[in-house]
Each structure stands twice: as C-alpha cells, then as structure tokens.
C-alpha cells in the first residue's frame, strides 16, 4: 500500500535521496524554499515538490521527480552537498555514526569517505574557493576538507576566545560570506563531544578571505 511522508529540504531521514538530473544541473543552488512530499510505493519513490521561492524553481522545473536511494542502514543522514567536476559526486554525513559518505554519480556507487568523521554534520561546497566546508560537532569546529585526499584543516573553533558549541549547518551568500549555526547538539553524547557549553546557541558569519567571524543571531533556539 502506498503511503506518504513529509520531508524537509535538509533531508533529515535515514536515507539520502538524489532528486534526478534536473537537480544535478543546479545542485549548488541553495534550496531554502523547497519542501517535498514523498509518495512511496515499492520499488519506486515519487516526490511531489512544493516550491516557495523563484530560486527553487530553477532546480525543480517539474513538480514530479523520481528519486534514487543511495544510502541504507544509516543512523541519521545529514548535510548533503554536491561536488561538481571533476568529482561529480554527492557528499553526506551520518552524524551519530561519525561517518561520511561519497556517492559518485557516474558510477552510481556509494562508499565511506571518513569512518571517524568527528560527528560531522552540515557540509557545503564553496564554489568560488572550490572548497568543501564541514561542520564538526566533536571538535566544535568549521573545517575545510580536501575531497581528493581527505586532508582536514580547522578554519574556526572559537569566537572571541570562547569555544564554539557544535557547528551544525552551513550556507554561503552570493558575496562569499559563510554562515553557520552553532547550537547545543554536540553536548549530546551520541552526536558529539558531550562536554560543556560555553556560549548561547547562535548563527555565526565567517569571512573566508579575512578569517573574521562574528555572531549575527544570538540566542538561537
């Protein structure tokens, strides 16, 4: 019997869905104005898309898309981001399992990327810098990861000398400024460091050119 379930654009589900060729064309577009209802009748899944912004319509020219399951048996899938050529791959996290995965669109294969990912959550391909940004709960940091080698560099882990809580989600504005949320989830043992929180949850603006960072929203709930 078919059933439906509502899924927000963050893909907070135990599987990651690839949303067809139309999305690949605009995969780097910020899809903040999208929600979709999945109507599941094995073995296929059809997504009925509801759009809230003109930007979103560029990625979803059709209201009916098919989806492909590219990851199974995940604890809590998060942070999908598309890596353009030469990678042509989807990158995503399994937060409590402290693993990240990469799905190559040309070979239709999914493999572990990091098996000790420091409870990495949100990810973002920063187009001007051709850099993969990663929010890490366990290290309280926003890091840069080389998708070719896996090498990692911490970009920011404190603000005004006070450790961050647990960077969670990250986006970039058209001028290159990076914004990330810093909630309390990392203090939950299953999702991060399980340690003390030193600041109120907030949204932080980070400049990838100067390295300057400041809070832009305080007291995030």
Protein backbone atom coordinates (compact mmCIF):
# COMPACT_ATOMS: atom_id res chain seq x y z
CA UNK A 1 0.00 0.00 0.00
CA UNK A 2 1.30 3.43 -0.86
CA UNK A 3 1.92 5.90 1.93
CA UNK A 4 3.20 9.48 2.13
CA UNK A 5 5.57 11.26 4.44
CA UNK A 6 6.63 14.88 4.60
CA UNK A 7 10.35 15.52 4.19
CA UNK A 8 12.03 18.93 4.66
CA UNK A 9 14.83 20.08 2.37
CA UNK A 10 17.50 19.23 4.96
CA UNK A 11 16.86 15.51 4.22
CA UNK A 12 16.52 14.52 7.88
CA UNK A 13 15.83 10.89 7.03
CA UNK A 14 17.79 7.63 7.33
CA UNK A 15 18.34 7.59 3.58
CA UNK A 16 19.66 10.18 1.17
CA UNK A 17 17.63 10.93 -1.93
CA UNK A 18 19.09 12.02 -5.25
CA UNK A 19 16.50 14.17 -6.96
CA UNK A 20 17.08 13.44 -10.64
CA UNK A 21 19.01 15.08 -13.45
CA UNK A 22 17.23 18.42 -13.04
CA UNK A 23 18.76 18.83 -9.60
CA UNK A 24 22.24 17.88 -10.80
CA UNK A 25 22.20 20.88 -13.12
CA UNK A 26 21.55 23.29 -10.25
CA UNK A 27 22.91 21.22 -7.38
CA UNK A 28 24.95 24.08 -5.95
CA UNK A 29 21.88 26.33 -5.69
CA UNK A 30 20.67 26.98 -2.14
CA UNK A 31 17.28 25.25 -1.94
CA UNK A 32 15.90 27.09 1.07
CA UNK A 33 12.44 27.45 -0.45
CA UNK A 34 11.67 23.80 -1.10
CA UNK A 35 9.73 21.06 0.62
CA UNK A 36 8.57 17.81 -0.86
CA UNK A 37 6.11 15.06 -0.06
CA UNK A 38 7.29 11.57 -0.89
CA UNK A 39 4.74 9.07 -2.09
CA UNK A 40 6.23 5.62 -1.65
CA UNK A 41 5.04 2.51 -3.43
CA UNK A 42 7.89 -0.02 -3.76
CA UNK A 43 10.09 -0.23 -5.69
CA UNK A 44 9.89 3.44 -6.75
CA UNK A 45 9.62 6.72 -4.91
CA UNK A 46 8.00 9.81 -6.44
CA UNK A 47 8.49 13.27 -5.00
CA UNK A 48 5.74 15.86 -5.23
CA UNK A 49 7.56 19.18 -4.91
CA UNK A 50 6.13 22.32 -3.35
CA UNK A 51 8.10 25.48 -4.15
CA UNK A 52 8.31 28.61 -2.02
CA UNK A 53 10.82 30.75 -3.92
CA UNK A 54 11.78 31.60 -7.54
CA UNK A 55 15.30 30.31 -6.87
CA UNK A 56 13.99 26.88 -6.02
CA UNK A 57 12.07 26.65 -9.29
CA UNK A 58 15.38 26.66 -11.20
CA UNK A 59 16.30 23.34 -9.62
CA UNK A 60 12.83 21.83 -9.84
CA UNK A 61 11.28 22.65 -13.23
CA UNK A 62 8.85 19.78 -12.73
CA UNK A 63 6.63 19.13 -9.72
CA UNK A 64 7.09 15.36 -10.11
CA UNK A 65 10.55 13.84 -9.80
CA UNK A 66 11.83 10.34 -9.27
CA UNK A 67 14.40 9.62 -6.58
CA UNK A 68 17.08 7.03 -6.08
CA UNK A 69 18.13 5.61 -2.70
CA UNK A 70 21.91 5.90 -2.48
CA UNK A 71 22.48 5.03 1.18
CA UNK A 72 20.91 2.47 3.53
CA UNK A 73 21.23 1.43 7.18
CA UNK A 74 22.29 4.92 8.22
CA UNK A 75 21.62 6.19 11.72
CA UNK A 76 20.92 9.86 10.93
CA UNK A 77 21.75 11.16 7.44
CA UNK A 78 22.52 14.88 7.18
CA UNK A 79 24.34 17.56 5.23
CA UNK A 80 24.09 16.50 1.56
CA UNK A 81 26.10 18.69 -0.80
CA UNK A 82 27.04 18.23 -4.45
CA UNK A 83 30.69 18.29 -5.55
CA UNK A 84 30.91 19.39 -9.22
CA UNK A 85 33.51 18.30 -11.79
CA UNK A 86 35.95 16.69 -11.53
CA UNK A 87 34.29 14.92 -8.58
CA UNK A 88 30.66 14.78 -9.81
CA UNK A 89 29.58 13.31 -6.52
CA UNK A 90 27.20 13.73 -3.60
CA UNK A 91 28.78 14.05 -0.16
CA UNK A 92 26.81 13.46 3.05
CA UNK A 93 27.13 12.67 6.76
CA UNK A 94 25.86 10.06 9.19
CA UNK A 95 26.19 12.13 12.36
CA UNK A 96 25.90 9.68 15.31
CA UNK A 97 27.91 7.05 13.44
CA UNK A 98 30.70 9.60 12.86
CA UNK A 99 30.93 8.62 9.21
CA UNK A 100 30.76 10.50 5.93
CA UNK A 101 29.98 9.04 2.52
CA UNK A 102 30.51 9.97 -1.11
CA UNK A 103 28.22 8.89 -3.95
CA UNK A 104 29.72 9.06 -7.44
CA UNK A 105 27.03 9.92 -9.97
CA UNK A 106 28.88 8.48 -12.97
CA UNK A 107 29.39 5.02 -11.46
CA UNK A 108 26.28 5.10 -9.22
CA UNK A 109 28.41 3.85 -6.35
CA UNK A 110 28.46 4.94 -2.71
CA UNK A 111 31.43 4.40 -0.42
CA UNK A 112 32.57 5.59 3.02
CA UNK A 113 34.73 8.71 2.87
CA UNK A 114 35.68 9.10 6.55
CA UNK A 115 34.96 6.37 9.12
CA UNK A 116 35.87 8.67 12.02
CA UNK A 117 34.38 11.99 10.89
CA UNK A 118 34.22 13.73 14.29
CA UNK A 119 30.40 13.68 14.18
CA UNK A 120 30.44 15.82 11.06
CA UNK A 121 27.00 17.25 10.26
CA UNK A 122 26.39 20.01 7.68
CA UNK A 123 28.55 20.22 4.57
CA UNK A 124 28.90 22.82 1.82
CA UNK A 125 30.79 23.02 -1.45
CA UNK A 126 32.03 26.62 -1.53
CA UNK A 127 32.09 27.34 -5.25
CA UNK A 128 34.40 30.38 -5.51
CA UNK A 129 37.09 28.63 -3.44
CA UNK A 130 36.38 25.10 -4.68
CA UNK A 131 36.45 24.05 -1.04
CA UNK A 132 34.39 21.54 0.93
CA UNK A 133 33.34 23.01 4.28
CA UNK A 134 32.29 20.72 7.12
CA UNK A 135 30.59 21.38 10.46
CA UNK A 136 32.04 19.09 13.15
CA UNK A 137 30.23 18.52 16.44
CA UNK A 138 33.01 16.59 18.19
CA UNK A 139 35.69 19.23 17.56
CA UNK A 140 33.40 22.29 17.86
CA UNK A 141 34.77 23.49 14.53
CA UNK A 142 34.13 24.53 10.95
CA UNK A 143 36.74 22.75 8.87
CA UNK A 144 37.96 22.53 5.29
CA UNK A 145 38.26 19.06 3.76
CA UNK A 146 40.04 18.09 0.56
CA UNK A 147 37.65 15.66 -1.19
CA UNK A 148 40.54 14.17 -3.17
CA UNK A 149 42.85 13.37 -0.24
CA UNK A 150 40.63 13.62 2.85
CA UNK A 151 43.03 16.08 4.46
CA UNK A 152 41.36 18.34 7.01
CA UNK A 153 42.09 21.88 8.23
CA UNK A 154 40.27 23.63 11.08
CA UNK A 155 39.06 27.09 10.00
CA UNK A 156 37.38 28.26 13.20
CA UNK A 157 36.70 26.58 16.54
CA UNK A 158 36.21 29.57 18.85
CA UNK A 159 34.84 33.09 18.82
CA UNK A 160 36.47 35.86 20.88
CA UNK A 161 38.46 33.18 22.69
CA UNK A 162 35.35 31.18 23.69
CA UNK A 163 34.97 27.66 22.22
CA UNK A 164 32.08 27.12 19.84
CA UNK A 165 29.30 24.72 20.83
CA UNK A 166 28.94 22.42 17.82
CA UNK A 167 28.72 23.94 14.32
CA UNK A 168 25.77 22.23 12.68
CA UNK A 169 24.64 23.63 9.31
CA UNK A 170 26.44 25.91 6.87
CA UNK A 171 25.46 28.04 3.86
CA UNK A 172 27.16 30.70 1.75
CA UNK A 173 25.83 34.02 0.45
CA UNK A 174 26.40 35.27 -3.09
CA UNK A 175 29.17 37.62 -1.86
CA UNK A 176 31.13 34.67 -0.46
CA UNK A 177 30.27 35.18 3.21
CA UNK A 178 29.72 31.92 5.08
CA UNK A 179 27.05 31.49 7.76
CA UNK A 180 26.82 28.54 10.13
CA UNK A 181 24.61 27.62 13.07
CA UNK A 182 26.19 26.82 16.43
CA UNK A 183 23.53 25.02 18.51
CA UNK A 184 23.88 22.76 21.54
CA UNK A 185 23.59 19.34 19.85
CA UNK A 186 27.25 18.44 20.26
CA UNK A 187 26.75 18.32 24.03
CA UNK A 188 24.54 15.27 23.46
CA UNK A 189 26.92 12.36 23.74
CA UNK A 190 25.55 10.46 20.73
CA UNK A 191 26.11 13.44 18.43
CA UNK A 192 29.40 14.96 19.51
CA UNK A 193 31.74 15.85 22.32
CA UNK A 194 29.23 15.51 25.17
CA UNK A 195 31.01 18.31 27.00
CA UNK A 196 30.27 21.71 28.46
CA UNK A 197 28.60 24.50 26.51
CA UNK A 198 30.37 27.84 26.89
CA UNK A 199 28.10 30.11 24.87
CA UNK A 200 24.49 30.57 23.86
CA UNK A 201 23.43 28.93 20.57
CA UNK A 202 23.93 31.38 17.71
CA UNK A 203 24.39 31.94 13.99
CA UNK A 204 27.93 32.96 13.05
CA UNK A 205 29.16 34.82 9.97
CA UNK A 206 32.66 33.82 8.82
CA UNK A 207 34.64 35.59 6.09
CA UNK A 208 36.72 33.04 4.10
CA UNK A 209 39.02 35.82 2.85
CA UNK A 210 39.89 37.59 6.11
CA UNK A 211 39.00 34.85 8.58
CA UNK A 212 36.92 37.36 10.55
CA UNK A 213 33.94 35.90 12.41
CA UNK A 214 31.08 37.39 14.42
CA UNK A 215 27.68 36.43 15.75
CA UNK A 216 24.77 37.66 13.66
CA UNK A 217 21.97 35.90 15.60
CA UNK A 218 22.25 35.39 19.34
CA UNK A 219 20.16 33.00 21.42
CA UNK A 220 19.25 30.61 18.63
CA UNK A 221 16.62 28.15 19.83
